[in-house]
């Protein structure tokens, strides 16, 4: 999820100030961003993840990727879970749900072949507009944008003071 700057003058100024900053200032802003935003992001997702599947898929990869602007990410693991689900690939299905579709295929048997019908997405939640990640982002998104702007101003101020 990327925060859109839009018509907010303070966010536009923060983005421009971050672009113009030298490497040392950018590193300090990125470190402060990770320090201050990672904990609320991780705890918010962990608090809202209600099922064991959401806990296994969404929570372990939750982090804030510092940048201009910072990105909030979850379900980033590329390692296969038991059962074959890959969080990086199937994280959206866990977050937003999937309809329980029937998959029919032809199976070979010693006496020939037969049609088999399986429920292939029964383990996923029902389709929904908002899951734990979107709910957490809705709660802390505005506060995170404000804090990021304040961090940029503070780092510039500290640099001008010689700290």
C-alpha atoms as a PDB file:
ATOM      1  CA  UNK A   1       0.000   0.000   0.000  1.00  0.00           C
ATOM      2  CA  UNK A   2       1.432   3.361  -1.000  1.00  0.00           C
ATOM      3  CA  UNK A   3       0.315   6.619   0.568  1.00  0.00           C
ATOM      4  CA  UNK A   4      -0.829   9.059  -2.113  1.00  0.00           C
ATOM      5  CA  UNK A   5       0.412  12.602  -1.617  1.00  0.00           C
ATOM      6  CA  UNK A   6      -2.473  14.221  -3.522  1.00  0.00           C
ATOM      7  CA  UNK A   7      -3.210  17.829  -2.575  1.00  0.00           C
ATOM      8  CA  UNK A   8      -1.735  17.713   0.925  1.00  0.00           C
ATOM      9  CA  UNK A   9       0.948  20.409   0.937  1.00  0.00           C
ATOM     10  CA  UNK A  10       2.760  19.094   4.008  1.00  0.00           C
ATOM     11  CA  UNK A  11       3.118  15.613   2.464  1.00  0.00           C
ATOM     12  CA  UNK A  12       4.292  17.117  -0.830  1.00  0.00           C
ATOM     13  CA  UNK A  13       6.898  19.150   1.069  1.00  0.00           C
ATOM     14  CA  UNK A  14       8.032  16.066   2.997  1.00  0.00           C
ATOM     15  CA  UNK A  15       8.432  14.023  -0.182  1.00  0.00           C
ATOM     16  CA  UNK A  16      10.414  16.816  -1.843  1.00  0.00           C
ATOM     17  CA  UNK A  17      12.592  17.320   1.247  1.00  0.00           C
ATOM     18  CA  UNK A  18      13.296  13.605   1.367  1.00  0.00           C
ATOM     19  CA  UNK A  19      14.225  13.558  -2.330  1.00  0.00           C
ATOM     20  CA  UNK A  20      16.662  16.438  -1.846  1.00  0.00           C
ATOM     21  CA  UNK A  21      18.270  15.026   1.302  1.00  0.00           C
ATOM     22  CA  UNK A  22      21.791  13.681   1.203  1.00  0.00           C
ATOM     23  CA  UNK A  23      22.537  10.028   1.852  1.00  0.00           C
ATOM     24  CA  UNK A  24      23.199  10.409   5.589  1.00  0.00           C
ATOM     25  CA  UNK A  25      19.911  12.227   6.226  1.00  0.00           C
ATOM     26  CA  UNK A  26      17.963   9.655   4.205  1.00  0.00           C
ATOM     27  CA  UNK A  27      19.505   6.865   6.260  1.00  0.00           C
ATOM     28  CA  UNK A  28      18.552   8.592   9.517  1.00  0.00           C
ATOM     29  CA  UNK A  29      14.982   9.167   8.307  1.00  0.00           C
ATOM     30  CA  UNK A  30      14.652   5.548   7.124  1.00  0.00           C
ATOM     31  CA  UNK A  31      16.032   4.188  10.412  1.00  0.00           C
ATOM     32  CA  UNK A  32      13.652   6.376  12.427  1.00  0.00           C
ATOM     33  CA  UNK A  33      10.746   5.356  10.179  1.00  0.00           C
ATOM     34  CA  UNK A  34      11.402   1.670  10.777  1.00  0.00           C
ATOM     35  CA  UNK A  35      11.916   2.227  14.513  1.00  0.00           C
ATOM     36  CA  UNK A  36       8.685   4.166  15.049  1.00  0.00           C
ATOM     37  CA  UNK A  37       6.296   2.479  12.577  1.00  0.00           C
ATOM     38  CA  UNK A  38       7.231  -1.223  12.627  1.00  0.00           C
ATOM     39  CA  UNK A  39       5.866  -1.959  16.086  1.00  0.00           C
ATOM     40  CA  UNK A  40       2.353  -0.470  15.620  1.00  0.00           C
ATOM     41  CA  UNK A  41       2.105  -2.128  12.194  1.00  0.00           C
ATOM     42  CA  UNK A  42       3.092  -5.590  13.426  1.00  0.00           C
ATOM     43  CA  UNK A  43       0.975  -5.489  16.573  1.00  0.00           C
ATOM     44  CA  UNK A  44      -2.047  -4.146  14.679  1.00  0.00           C
ATOM     45  CA  UNK A  45      -1.973  -7.014  12.193  1.00  0.00           C
ATOM     46  CA  UNK A  46      -1.346  -9.586  14.928  1.00  0.00           C
ATOM     47  CA  UNK A  47      -4.275  -8.208  16.952  1.00  0.00           C
ATOM     48  CA  UNK A  48      -6.675  -8.375  13.984  1.00  0.00           C
ATOM     49  CA  UNK A  49      -5.571 -11.723  12.538  1.00  0.00           C
ATOM     50  CA  UNK A  50      -8.288 -13.923  13.991  1.00  0.00           C
ATOM     51  CA  UNK A  51      -7.716 -17.305  12.360  1.00  0.00           C
ATOM     52  CA  UNK A  52      -4.658 -19.560  12.565  1.00  0.00           C
ATOM     53  CA  UNK A  53      -4.244 -19.214   8.783  1.00  0.00           C
ATOM     54  CA  UNK A  54      -4.098 -15.414   9.036  1.00  0.00           C
ATOM     55  CA  UNK A  55      -1.617 -15.721  11.916  1.00  0.00           C
ATOM     56  CA  UNK A  56       0.668 -18.009   9.873  1.00  0.00           C
ATOM     57  CA  UNK A  57       0.466 -16.075   6.588  1.00  0.00           C
ATOM     58  CA  UNK A  58       0.052 -12.369   7.359  1.00  0.00           C
ATOM     59  CA  UNK A  59       1.794 -11.766  10.676  1.00  0.00           C
ATOM     60  CA  UNK A  60       5.350 -13.146  10.139  1.00  0.00           C
ATOM     61  CA  UNK A  61       6.102 -10.985   7.083  1.00  0.00           C
ATOM     62  CA  UNK A  62       4.599  -7.756   8.435  1.00  0.00           C
ATOM     63  CA  UNK A  63       7.083  -4.858   8.311  1.00  0.00           C
ATOM     64  CA  UNK A  64       7.485  -1.288   7.163  1.00  0.00           C
ATOM     65  CA  UNK A  65       9.766  -0.894   4.148  1.00  0.00           C
ATOM     66  CA  UNK A  66      11.313   2.535   4.566  1.00  0.00           C
ATOM     67  CA  UNK A  67      11.471   4.706   1.480  1.00  0.00           C
ATOM     68  CA  UNK A  68       9.877   7.710  -0.148  1.00  0.00           C
ATOM     69  CA  UNK A  69       7.091   7.193   0.934  1.00  0.00           C
ATOM     70  CA  UNK A  70       7.340   4.162   3.241  1.00  0.00           C
ATOM     71  CA  UNK A  71       5.478   1.002   2.262  1.00  0.00           C
ATOM     72  CA  UNK A  72       3.524  -1.204   4.648  1.00  0.00           C
ATOM     73  CA  UNK A  73       3.925  -4.863   3.699  1.00  0.00           C
ATOM     74  CA  UNK A  74       2.641  -8.185   5.014  1.00  0.00           C
ATOM     75  CA  UNK A  75       2.734 -11.821   3.853  1.00  0.00           C
ATOM     76  CA  UNK A  76       6.154 -11.494   2.231  1.00  0.00           C
ATOM     77  CA  UNK A  77       7.548 -14.956   2.896  1.00  0.00           C
ATOM     78  CA  UNK A  78       8.334 -17.002  -0.196  1.00  0.00           C
ATOM     79  CA  UNK A  79       8.730 -20.204   1.831  1.00  0.00           C
ATOM     80  CA  UNK A  80       6.016 -22.792   1.321  1.00  0.00           C
ATOM     81  CA  UNK A  81       3.866 -23.575   4.367  1.00  0.00           C
ATOM     82  CA  UNK A  82       2.785 -27.115   5.170  1.00  0.00           C
ATOM     83  CA  UNK A  83      -0.008 -27.802   2.734  1.00  0.00           C
ATOM     84  CA  UNK A  84       1.636 -25.861  -0.095  1.00  0.00           C
ATOM     85  CA  UNK A  85       0.404 -22.298   0.454  1.00  0.00           C
ATOM     86  CA  UNK A  86       3.039 -19.633  -0.332  1.00  0.00           C
ATOM     87  CA  UNK A  87       2.348 -16.403   1.648  1.00  0.00           C
ATOM     88  CA  UNK A  88       3.886 -14.104  -0.973  1.00  0.00           C
ATOM     89  CA  UNK A  89       1.709 -15.569  -3.723  1.00  0.00           C
ATOM     90  CA  UNK A  90      -1.478 -16.375  -1.816  1.00  0.00           C
ATOM     91  CA  UNK A  91      -1.485 -13.576   0.769  1.00  0.00           C
ATOM     92  CA  UNK A  92      -4.206 -11.653  -1.059  1.00  0.00           C
ATOM     93  CA  UNK A  93      -6.520 -14.665  -0.919  1.00  0.00           C
ATOM     94  CA  UNK A  94      -6.025 -14.871   2.847  1.00  0.00           C
ATOM     95  CA  UNK A  95      -6.569 -11.108   3.241  1.00  0.00           C
ATOM     96  CA  UNK A  96      -9.590 -10.675   0.959  1.00  0.00           C
ATOM     97  CA  UNK A  97     -10.951 -14.226   0.842  1.00  0.00           C
ATOM     98  CA  UNK A  98     -11.933 -16.413  -2.076  1.00  0.00           C
ATOM     99  CA  UNK A  99     -15.115 -18.045  -3.232  1.00  0.00           C
ATOM    100  CA  UNK A 100     -15.350 -21.783  -2.670  1.00  0.00           C
ATOM    101  CA  UNK A 101     -15.140 -23.068  -6.208  1.00  0.00           C
ATOM    102  CA  UNK A 102     -15.419 -26.628  -7.356  1.00  0.00           C
ATOM    103  CA  UNK A 103     -12.598 -28.033  -9.443  1.00  0.00           C
ATOM    104  CA  UNK A 104     -13.344 -31.044 -11.590  1.00  0.00           C
ATOM    105  CA  UNK A 105     -10.609 -33.099 -13.176  1.00  0.00           C
ATOM    106  CA  UNK A 106     -10.161 -36.540 -14.711  1.00  0.00           C
ATOM    107  CA  UNK A 107      -8.392 -39.079 -12.522  1.00  0.00           C
ATOM    108  CA  UNK A 108      -6.857 -42.269 -13.801  1.00  0.00           C
ATOM    109  CA  UNK A 109      -7.742 -45.487 -12.032  1.00  0.00           C
ATOM    110  CA  UNK A 110      -6.727 -49.088 -12.701  1.00  0.00           C
ATOM    111  CA  UNK A 111     -10.089 -49.687 -14.327  1.00  0.00           C
ATOM    112  CA  UNK A 112      -9.951 -46.562 -16.546  1.00  0.00           C
ATOM    113  CA  UNK A 113     -10.605 -42.971 -15.569  1.00  0.00           C
ATOM    114  CA  UNK A 114     -13.234 -41.093 -13.620  1.00  0.00           C
ATOM    115  CA  UNK A 115     -14.249 -37.483 -12.993  1.00  0.00           C
ATOM    116  CA  UNK A 116     -13.430 -36.158  -9.522  1.00  0.00           C
ATOM    117  CA  UNK A 117     -14.830 -32.940  -8.013  1.00  0.00           C
ATOM    118  CA  UNK A 118     -12.972 -31.181  -5.193  1.00  0.00           C
ATOM    119  CA  UNK A 119     -13.541 -28.034  -3.104  1.00  0.00           C
ATOM    120  CA  UNK A 120     -10.148 -26.405  -3.684  1.00  0.00           C
ATOM    121  CA  UNK A 121     -10.541 -23.145  -1.721  1.00  0.00           C
ATOM    122  CA  UNK A 122     -12.603 -24.225   1.244  1.00  0.00           C
ATOM    123  CA  UNK A 123      -9.783 -23.425   3.689  1.00  0.00           C
ATOM    124  CA  UNK A 124      -9.768 -19.713   2.738  1.00  0.00           C
ATOM    125  CA  UNK A 125     -12.098 -17.117   4.273  1.00  0.00           C
ATOM    126  CA  UNK A 126     -15.222 -15.992   2.432  1.00  0.00           C
ATOM    127  CA  UNK A 127     -14.805 -13.002   0.088  1.00  0.00           C
ATOM    128  CA  UNK A 128     -14.614  -9.694   1.966  1.00  0.00           C
ATOM    129  CA  UNK A 129     -13.588  -6.114   1.266  1.00  0.00           C
ATOM    130  CA  UNK A 130     -11.273  -5.638   4.246  1.00  0.00           C
ATOM    131  CA  UNK A 131      -9.073  -8.060   6.128  1.00  0.00           C
ATOM    132  CA  UNK A 132      -6.595  -7.618   8.985  1.00  0.00           C
ATOM    133  CA  UNK A 133      -4.020  -5.756   6.875  1.00  0.00           C
ATOM    134  CA  UNK A 134      -6.453  -3.211   5.428  1.00  0.00           C
ATOM    135  CA  UNK A 135      -8.081  -2.653   8.826  1.00  0.00           C
ATOM    136  CA  UNK A 136      -4.693  -1.976  10.419  1.00  0.00           C
ATOM    137  CA  UNK A 137      -3.705   0.366   7.610  1.00  0.00           C
ATOM    138  CA  UNK A 138      -6.989   2.227   7.979  1.00  0.00           C
ATOM    139  CA  UNK A 139      -6.292   2.691  11.681  1.00  0.00           C
ATOM    140  CA  UNK A 140      -2.654   3.816  11.546  1.00  0.00           C
ATOM    141  CA  UNK A 141      -2.315   5.180   7.989  1.00  0.00           C
ATOM    142  CA  UNK A 142      -3.022   8.851   8.715  1.00  0.00           C
ATOM    143  CA  UNK A 143      -0.980   8.762  11.904  1.00  0.00           C
ATOM    144  CA  UNK A 144       1.907   7.091  10.050  1.00  0.00           C
ATOM    145  CA  UNK A 145       1.905   9.746   7.290  1.00  0.00           C
ATOM    146  CA  UNK A 146       1.927  12.489   9.913  1.00  0.00           C
ATOM    147  CA  UNK A 147       4.705  10.820  11.892  1.00  0.00           C
ATOM    148  CA  UNK A 148       6.804  10.309   8.758  1.00  0.00           C
ATOM    149  CA  UNK A 149       6.497  14.013   7.936  1.00  0.00           C
ATOM    150  CA  UNK A 150       7.480  14.921  11.497  1.00  0.00           C
ATOM    151  CA  UNK A 151      10.479  12.580  11.350  1.00  0.00           C
ATOM    152  CA  UNK A 152      11.768  14.283   8.209  1.00  0.00           C
ATOM    153  CA  UNK A 153      11.422  17.713   9.818  1.00  0.00           C
ATOM    154  CA  UNK A 154      13.104  16.507  13.028  1.00  0.00           C
ATOM    155  CA  UNK A 155      16.050  14.926  11.195  1.00  0.00           C
ATOM    156  CA  UNK A 156      16.561  18.120   9.166  1.00  0.00           C
ATOM    157  CA  UNK A 157      16.358  20.202  12.349  1.00  0.00           C
ATOM    158  CA  UNK A 158      18.824  17.957  14.189  1.00  0.00           C
ATOM    159  CA  UNK A 159      21.209  18.138  11.210  1.00  0.00           C
ATOM    160  CA  UNK A 160      21.044  21.931  11.195  1.00  0.00           C
ATOM    161  CA  UNK A 161      21.795  21.943  14.954  1.00  0.00           C
ATOM    162  CA  UNK A 162      24.802  19.693  14.356  1.00  0.00           C
ATOM    163  CA  UNK A 163      23.402  16.635  16.153  1.00  0.00           C
END
